[in-house]
Amino acid sequence: MKEWAYAGLFFDLTGAVYSGVIVSGKFDPAMLIMLIWIVPGIMSYIFWSKKMEYA
């Protein structure tokens, strides 16, 4: 179940940036705020999966 939460976060954030680019026709630097949250999400998933591997 937790893996689906990580996937949902990733899909929501990338979908929001993609939709913003498509609607406006260009990349707005303010959209980087959405992309910033993807990095901690990916790192959290990596550390969580390693923790579950050793548990």
C-alpha atoms as a PDB file:
ATOM      1  CA  MET A   1       0.000   0.000   0.000  1.00  0.00           C
ATOM      2  CA  LYS A   2       2.828   2.388   0.813  1.00  0.00           C
ATOM      3  CA  GLU A   3       4.329   1.909  -2.649  1.00  0.00           C
ATOM      4  CA  TRP A   4       1.065   3.122  -4.184  1.00  0.00           C
ATOM      5  CA  ALA A   5       1.262   6.265  -2.057  1.00  0.00           C
ATOM      6  CA  TYR A   6       4.740   6.983  -3.407  1.00  0.00           C
ATOM      7  CA  ALA A   7       3.566   6.328  -6.969  1.00  0.00           C
ATOM      8  CA  GLY A   8       0.568   8.614  -6.472  1.00  0.00           C
ATOM      9  CA  LEU A   9       2.764  11.443  -5.211  1.00  0.00           C
ATOM     10  CA  PHE A  10       5.086  11.081  -8.192  1.00  0.00           C
ATOM     11  CA  PHE A  11       2.236  10.936 -10.722  1.00  0.00           C
ATOM     12  CA  ASP A  12       0.430  13.910  -9.174  1.00  0.00           C
ATOM     13  CA  LEU A  13       3.470  16.163  -9.159  1.00  0.00           C
ATOM     14  CA  THR A  14       4.715  15.267 -12.623  1.00  0.00           C
ATOM     15  CA  GLY A  15       1.177  15.513 -13.994  1.00  0.00           C
ATOM     16  CA  ALA A  16       0.774  18.988 -12.502  1.00  0.00           C
ATOM     17  CA  VAL A  17       4.000  20.218 -14.116  1.00  0.00           C
ATOM     18  CA  TYR A  18       3.150  18.585 -17.449  1.00  0.00           C
ATOM     19  CA  SER A  19      -0.346  20.096 -17.445  1.00  0.00           C
ATOM     20  CA  GLY A  20       1.058  23.523 -16.660  1.00  0.00           C
ATOM     21  CA  VAL A  21       3.524  23.306 -19.538  1.00  0.00           C
ATOM     22  CA  ILE A  22       0.857  22.144 -21.990  1.00  0.00           C
ATOM     23  CA  VAL A  23      -1.663  24.826 -20.991  1.00  0.00           C
ATOM     24  CA  SER A  24       0.774  27.756 -20.927  1.00  0.00           C
ATOM     25  CA  GLY A  25       2.875  26.561 -23.875  1.00  0.00           C
ATOM     26  CA  LYS A  26       6.124  27.221 -22.042  1.00  0.00           C
ATOM     27  CA  PHE A  27       7.953  26.234 -18.879  1.00  0.00           C
ATOM     28  CA  ASP A  28       7.434  28.690 -16.040  1.00  0.00           C
ATOM     29  CA  PRO A  29      10.229  28.731 -13.416  1.00  0.00           C
ATOM     30  CA  ALA A  30       7.544  28.722 -10.697  1.00  0.00           C
ATOM     31  CA  MET A  31       6.809  25.114 -11.717  1.00  0.00           C
ATOM     32  CA  LEU A  32      10.159  24.092 -10.254  1.00  0.00           C
ATOM     33  CA  ILE A  33       8.499  24.264  -6.841  1.00  0.00           C
ATOM     34  CA  MET A  34       6.457  21.200  -7.837  1.00  0.00           C
ATOM     35  CA  LEU A  35       9.555  19.395  -9.100  1.00  0.00           C
ATOM     36  CA  ILE A  36      11.437  20.075  -5.863  1.00  0.00           C
ATOM     37  CA  TRP A  37       9.045  17.733  -4.016  1.00  0.00           C
ATOM     38  CA  ILE A  38       9.794  14.853  -6.379  1.00  0.00           C
ATOM     39  CA  VAL A  39      13.411  14.520  -5.157  1.00  0.00           C
ATOM     40  CA  PRO A  40      12.561  14.007  -1.452  1.00  0.00           C
ATOM     41  CA  GLY A  41       9.782  11.619  -2.472  1.00  0.00           C
ATOM     42  CA  ILE A  42      12.177   9.478  -4.507  1.00  0.00           C
ATOM     43  CA  MET A  43      14.825   9.560  -1.768  1.00  0.00           C
ATOM     44  CA  SER A  44      12.240   8.626   0.855  1.00  0.00           C
ATOM     45  CA  TYR A  45      11.102   5.675  -1.234  1.00  0.00           C
ATOM     46  CA  ILE A  46      14.684   4.461  -1.756  1.00  0.00           C
ATOM     47  CA  PHE A  47      15.467   4.607   1.967  1.00  0.00           C
ATOM     48  CA  TRP A  48      12.132   2.993   2.882  1.00  0.00           C
ATOM     49  CA  SER A  49      12.644   0.114   0.448  1.00  0.00           C
ATOM     50  CA  LYS A  50      16.182  -0.505   1.782  1.00  0.00           C
ATOM     51  CA  LYS A  51      14.807  -0.481   5.336  1.00  0.00           C
ATOM     52  CA  MET A  52      12.146  -3.040   4.381  1.00  0.00           C
ATOM     53  CA  GLU A  53      14.769  -5.184   2.655  1.00  0.00           C
ATOM     54  CA  TYR A  54      16.756  -5.569   5.879  1.00  0.00           C
ATOM     55  CA  ALA A  55      13.753  -5.943   8.173  1.00  0.00           C
END
